[in-house]
Amino acid sequence: MTPGAKVLQYETFINEVLKRDLQKVLEQRDAVYEKMAQYLQLKNTIKSIQETDSKELETDVDLGCNFYVQAHVPDASKIYVAVGYGFFVEFTHAEALKFIEKKTNQLTEYTEVLTKDAAKIKANIRMVLEGLRELQGLKDLPEDRRREVF
């Protein structure tokens, strides 16, 4: 295989495999960060309800596609929290705060794993690029010297 063919093979590997994998990992991490932000927003809302010590609550509810309606909650002492896979659990404020703490800790650990995965993929990209530089350096060698290397 000629150095030019190997260069093309490496470039294809970088573009079709490594960069795609990196993009997927970064998108997953962004989605986890978004979920963490939602839990932290819920935590702040619960604390705000606790501070006002009111049983009733007026709020806007997202019906989907950023279409909101006003809602009146006569008893805000318990709330429903999405726990995953389309399931909701009724919690007291204290239970919800405990759940949010555990969930955000889990999500934080997962973002660390995804960040390490992204770093590994970036290191692989750098390694392949270094291989490309070496191959391109060999391309400048005379034909008889290239045969010695390969």
C-alpha atoms as a PDB file:
ATOM      1  CA  MET A   1       0.000   0.000   0.000  1.00  0.00           C
ATOM      2  CA  THR A   2       1.418   3.363  -0.996  1.00  0.00           C
ATOM      3  CA  PRO A   3       1.800   6.195   1.498  1.00  0.00           C
ATOM      4  CA  GLY A   4      -0.870   8.170  -0.396  1.00  0.00           C
ATOM      5  CA  ALA A   5      -3.391   5.344  -0.003  1.00  0.00           C
ATOM      6  CA  LYS A   6      -2.583   5.060   3.693  1.00  0.00           C
ATOM      7  CA  VAL A   7      -3.060   8.811   4.123  1.00  0.00           C
ATOM      8  CA  LEU A   8      -6.479   8.550   2.489  1.00  0.00           C
ATOM      9  CA  GLN A   9      -7.356   5.573   4.703  1.00  0.00           C
ATOM     10  CA  TYR A  10      -6.372   7.489   7.867  1.00  0.00           C
ATOM     11  CA  GLU A  11      -8.274  10.600   6.786  1.00  0.00           C
ATOM     12  CA  THR A  12     -11.374   8.492   6.141  1.00  0.00           C
ATOM     13  CA  PHE A  13     -11.034   6.862   9.564  1.00  0.00           C
ATOM     14  CA  ILE A  14     -10.759  10.253  11.266  1.00  0.00           C
ATOM     15  CA  ASN A  15     -13.739  11.752   9.442  1.00  0.00           C
ATOM     16  CA  GLU A  16     -16.095   8.770   9.368  1.00  0.00           C
ATOM     17  CA  VAL A  17     -15.343   7.126  12.712  1.00  0.00           C
ATOM     18  CA  LEU A  18     -13.481   9.245  15.234  1.00  0.00           C
ATOM     19  CA  LYS A  19     -15.128  12.610  14.584  1.00  0.00           C
ATOM     20  CA  ARG A  20     -18.582  10.985  14.481  1.00  0.00           C
ATOM     21  CA  ASP A  21     -17.911   9.188  17.774  1.00  0.00           C
ATOM     22  CA  LEU A  22     -16.669  12.408  19.355  1.00  0.00           C
ATOM     23  CA  GLN A  23     -19.782  14.266  18.190  1.00  0.00           C
ATOM     24  CA  LYS A  24     -22.053  11.579  19.701  1.00  0.00           C
ATOM     25  CA  VAL A  25     -20.278  11.678  23.060  1.00  0.00           C
ATOM     26  CA  LEU A  26     -20.408  15.478  23.196  1.00  0.00           C
ATOM     27  CA  GLU A  27     -24.117  15.465  22.309  1.00  0.00           C
ATOM     28  CA  GLN A  28     -24.791  12.905  25.050  1.00  0.00           C
ATOM     29  CA  ARG A  29     -22.897  15.052  27.541  1.00  0.00           C
ATOM     30  CA  ASP A  30     -24.843  18.158  26.504  1.00  0.00           C
ATOM     31  CA  ALA A  31     -28.117  16.266  26.998  1.00  0.00           C
ATOM     32  CA  VAL A  32     -27.018  15.217  30.493  1.00  0.00           C
ATOM     33  CA  TYR A  33     -26.085  18.823  31.316  1.00  0.00           C
ATOM     34  CA  GLU A  34     -29.549  19.911  30.146  1.00  0.00           C
ATOM     35  CA  LYS A  35     -31.191  17.320  32.391  1.00  0.00           C
ATOM     36  CA  MET A  36     -29.054  18.482  35.324  1.00  0.00           C
ATOM     37  CA  ALA A  37     -30.140  22.075  34.682  1.00  0.00           C
ATOM     38  CA  GLN A  38     -33.784  20.999  34.780  1.00  0.00           C
ATOM     39  CA  TYR A  39     -33.305  19.227  38.111  1.00  0.00           C
ATOM     40  CA  LEU A  40     -31.516  22.243  39.567  1.00  0.00           C
ATOM     41  CA  GLN A  41     -34.334  24.499  38.366  1.00  0.00           C
ATOM     42  CA  LEU A  42     -36.832  22.182  40.080  1.00  0.00           C
ATOM     43  CA  LYS A  43     -34.744  22.317  43.257  1.00  0.00           C
ATOM     44  CA  ASN A  44     -34.850  26.124  43.204  1.00  0.00           C
ATOM     45  CA  THR A  45     -38.606  26.074  42.621  1.00  0.00           C
ATOM     46  CA  ILE A  46     -39.161  23.726  45.568  1.00  0.00           C
ATOM     47  CA  LYS A  47     -37.034  25.915  47.830  1.00  0.00           C
ATOM     48  CA  SER A  48     -38.978  28.972  46.681  1.00  0.00           C
ATOM     49  CA  ILE A  49     -42.278  27.234  47.528  1.00  0.00           C
ATOM     50  CA  GLN A  50     -40.902  26.279  50.933  1.00  0.00           C
ATOM     51  CA  GLU A  51     -39.761  29.845  51.642  1.00  0.00           C
ATOM     52  CA  THR A  52     -43.166  31.351  50.878  1.00  0.00           C
ATOM     53  CA  ASP A  53     -44.808  28.649  53.028  1.00  0.00           C
ATOM     54  CA  SER A  54     -47.886  28.795  50.830  1.00  0.00           C
ATOM     55  CA  LYS A  55     -50.090  25.795  50.157  1.00  0.00           C
ATOM     56  CA  GLU A  56     -51.371  27.207  46.842  1.00  0.00           C
ATOM     57  CA  LEU A  57     -49.339  27.840  43.732  1.00  0.00           C
ATOM     58  CA  GLU A  58     -49.895  29.712  40.489  1.00  0.00           C
ATOM     59  CA  THR A  59     -47.631  28.540  37.678  1.00  0.00           C
ATOM     60  CA  ASP A  60     -47.262  28.161  33.939  1.00  0.00           C
ATOM     61  CA  VAL A  61     -47.333  24.629  32.537  1.00  0.00           C
ATOM     62  CA  ASP A  62     -45.654  23.731  29.253  1.00  0.00           C
ATOM     63  CA  LEU A  63     -48.097  21.689  27.164  1.00  0.00           C
ATOM     64  CA  GLY A  64     -45.393  21.050  24.574  1.00  0.00           C
ATOM     65  CA  CYS A  65     -43.696  23.025  21.838  1.00  0.00           C
ATOM     66  CA  ASN A  66     -43.330  25.945  24.271  1.00  0.00           C
ATOM     67  CA  PHE A  67     -47.110  26.369  24.505  1.00  0.00           C
ATOM     68  CA  TYR A  68     -47.902  27.392  28.093  1.00  0.00           C
ATOM     69  CA  VAL A  69     -51.106  27.636  30.109  1.00  0.00           C
ATOM     70  CA  GLN A  70     -51.635  29.030  33.565  1.00  0.00           C
ATOM     71  CA  ALA A  71     -52.351  26.520  36.279  1.00  0.00           C
ATOM     72  CA  HIS A  72     -53.645  26.853  39.807  1.00  0.00           C
ATOM     73  CA  VAL A  73     -52.380  24.222  42.239  1.00  0.00           C
ATOM     74  CA  PRO A  74     -54.571  24.210  45.379  1.00  0.00           C
ATOM     75  CA  ASP A  75     -52.174  21.996  47.387  1.00  0.00           C
ATOM     76  CA  ALA A  76     -48.472  22.330  46.532  1.00  0.00           C
ATOM     77  CA  SER A  77     -47.279  20.299  49.529  1.00  0.00           C
ATOM     78  CA  LYS A  78     -46.560  17.375  47.198  1.00  0.00           C
ATOM     79  CA  ILE A  79     -45.212  17.407  43.671  1.00  0.00           C
ATOM     80  CA  TYR A  80     -44.774  14.926  40.847  1.00  0.00           C
ATOM     81  CA  VAL A  81     -41.251  14.427  39.573  1.00  0.00           C
ATOM     82  CA  ALA A  82     -40.308  12.763  36.287  1.00  0.00           C
ATOM     83  CA  VAL A  83     -37.989   9.911  37.268  1.00  0.00           C
ATOM     84  CA  GLY A  84     -37.361   8.556  33.775  1.00  0.00           C
ATOM     85  CA  TYR A  85     -38.927   6.396  31.080  1.00  0.00           C
ATOM     86  CA  GLY A  86     -42.122   8.476  31.230  1.00  0.00           C
ATOM     87  CA  PHE A  87     -42.785   7.718  34.905  1.00  0.00           C
ATOM     88  CA  PHE A  88     -43.675  10.304  37.540  1.00  0.00           C
ATOM     89  CA  VAL A  89     -43.499   9.840  41.304  1.00  0.00           C
ATOM     90  CA  GLU A  90     -45.345  11.878  43.908  1.00  0.00           C
ATOM     91  CA  PHE A  91     -42.915  13.316  46.459  1.00  0.00           C
ATOM     92  CA  THR A  92     -43.057  15.604  49.446  1.00  0.00           C
ATOM     93  CA  HIS A  93     -40.715  18.561  49.111  1.00  0.00           C
ATOM     94  CA  ALA A  94     -38.096  16.900  51.329  1.00  0.00           C
ATOM     95  CA  GLU A  95     -38.298  13.635  49.374  1.00  0.00           C
ATOM     96  CA  ALA A  96     -38.037  15.500  46.074  1.00  0.00           C
ATOM     97  CA  LEU A  97     -34.974  17.422  47.243  1.00  0.00           C
ATOM     98  CA  LYS A  98     -33.314  14.182  48.358  1.00  0.00           C
ATOM     99  CA  PHE A  99     -34.134  12.548  44.995  1.00  0.00           C
ATOM    100  CA  ILE A 100     -32.806  15.572  43.082  1.00  0.00           C
ATOM    101  CA  GLU A 101     -29.561  15.460  45.067  1.00  0.00           C
ATOM    102  CA  LYS A 102     -29.022  11.773  44.272  1.00  0.00           C
ATOM    103  CA  LYS A 103     -29.991  12.213  40.639  1.00  0.00           C
ATOM    104  CA  THR A 104     -27.695  15.199  40.065  1.00  0.00           C
ATOM    105  CA  ASN A 105     -24.814  13.289  41.696  1.00  0.00           C
ATOM    106  CA  GLN A 106     -25.419  10.365  39.313  1.00  0.00           C
ATOM    107  CA  LEU A 107     -25.611  12.702  36.341  1.00  0.00           C
ATOM    108  CA  THR A 108     -22.414  14.465  37.413  1.00  0.00           C
ATOM    109  CA  GLU A 109     -20.594  11.118  37.535  1.00  0.00           C
ATOM    110  CA  TYR A 110     -21.942  10.273  34.089  1.00  0.00           C
ATOM    111  CA  THR A 111     -20.740  13.601  32.643  1.00  0.00           C
ATOM    112  CA  GLU A 112     -17.279  12.832  34.016  1.00  0.00           C
ATOM    113  CA  VAL A 113     -17.309   9.470  32.211  1.00  0.00           C
ATOM    114  CA  LEU A 114     -18.438  11.147  28.986  1.00  0.00           C
ATOM    115  CA  THR A 115     -15.764  13.832  29.340  1.00  0.00           C
ATOM    116  CA  LYS A 116     -13.091  11.124  29.738  1.00  0.00           C
ATOM    117  CA  ASP A 117     -14.482   9.304  26.688  1.00  0.00           C
ATOM    118  CA  ALA A 118     -14.309  12.524  24.675  1.00  0.00           C
ATOM    119  CA  ALA A 119     -10.710  13.065  25.796  1.00  0.00           C
ATOM    120  CA  LYS A 120      -9.778   9.521  24.686  1.00  0.00           C
ATOM    121  CA  ILE A 121     -11.347  10.067  21.276  1.00  0.00           C
ATOM    122  CA  LYS A 122      -9.524  13.398  20.921  1.00  0.00           C
ATOM    123  CA  ALA A 123      -6.264  11.642  21.837  1.00  0.00           C
ATOM    124  CA  ASN A 124      -6.959   9.004  19.166  1.00  0.00           C
ATOM    125  CA  ILE A 125      -7.573  11.750  16.610  1.00  0.00           C
ATOM    126  CA  ARG A 126      -4.264  13.373  17.561  1.00  0.00           C
ATOM    127  CA  MET A 127      -2.479  10.012  17.295  1.00  0.00           C
ATOM    128  CA  VAL A 128      -3.905   9.338  13.824  1.00  0.00           C
ATOM    129  CA  LEU A 129      -3.044  12.889  12.730  1.00  0.00           C
ATOM    130  CA  GLU A 130       0.534  12.311  13.923  1.00  0.00           C
ATOM    131  CA  GLY A 131       0.593   9.119  11.860  1.00  0.00           C
ATOM    132  CA  LEU A 132      -0.596  11.124   8.881  1.00  0.00           C
ATOM    133  CA  ARG A 133       2.195  13.643   9.362  1.00  0.00           C
ATOM    134  CA  GLU A 134       4.730  10.813   9.424  1.00  0.00           C
ATOM    135  CA  LEU A 135       3.273   9.293   6.260  1.00  0.00           C
ATOM    136  CA  GLN A 136       3.299  12.643   4.527  1.00  0.00           C
ATOM    137  CA  GLY A 137       6.932  13.046   5.575  1.00  0.00           C
ATOM    138  CA  LEU A 138       7.680   9.654   3.993  1.00  0.00           C
ATOM    139  CA  LYS A 139       6.009  10.802   0.791  1.00  0.00           C
ATOM    140  CA  ASP A 140       8.866  13.254   0.349  1.00  0.00           C
ATOM    141  CA  LEU A 141      11.463  10.443   0.522  1.00  0.00           C
ATOM    142  CA  PRO A 142      12.873   8.935  -2.663  1.00  0.00           C
ATOM    143  CA  GLU A 143      11.119   5.746  -3.883  1.00  0.00           C
ATOM    144  CA  ASP A 144      13.938   3.401  -2.838  1.00  0.00           C
ATOM    145  CA  ARG A 145      13.928   4.801   0.756  1.00  0.00           C
ATOM    146  CA  ARG A 146      10.106   4.357   0.972  1.00  0.00           C
ATOM    147  CA  ARG A 147      10.477   0.659   0.142  1.00  0.00           C
ATOM    148  CA  GLU A 148      12.934   0.275   3.051  1.00  0.00           C
ATOM    149  CA  VAL A 149      10.393   1.771   5.477  1.00  0.00           C
ATOM    150  CA  PHE A 150       7.494  -0.378   4.249  1.00  0.00           C
END
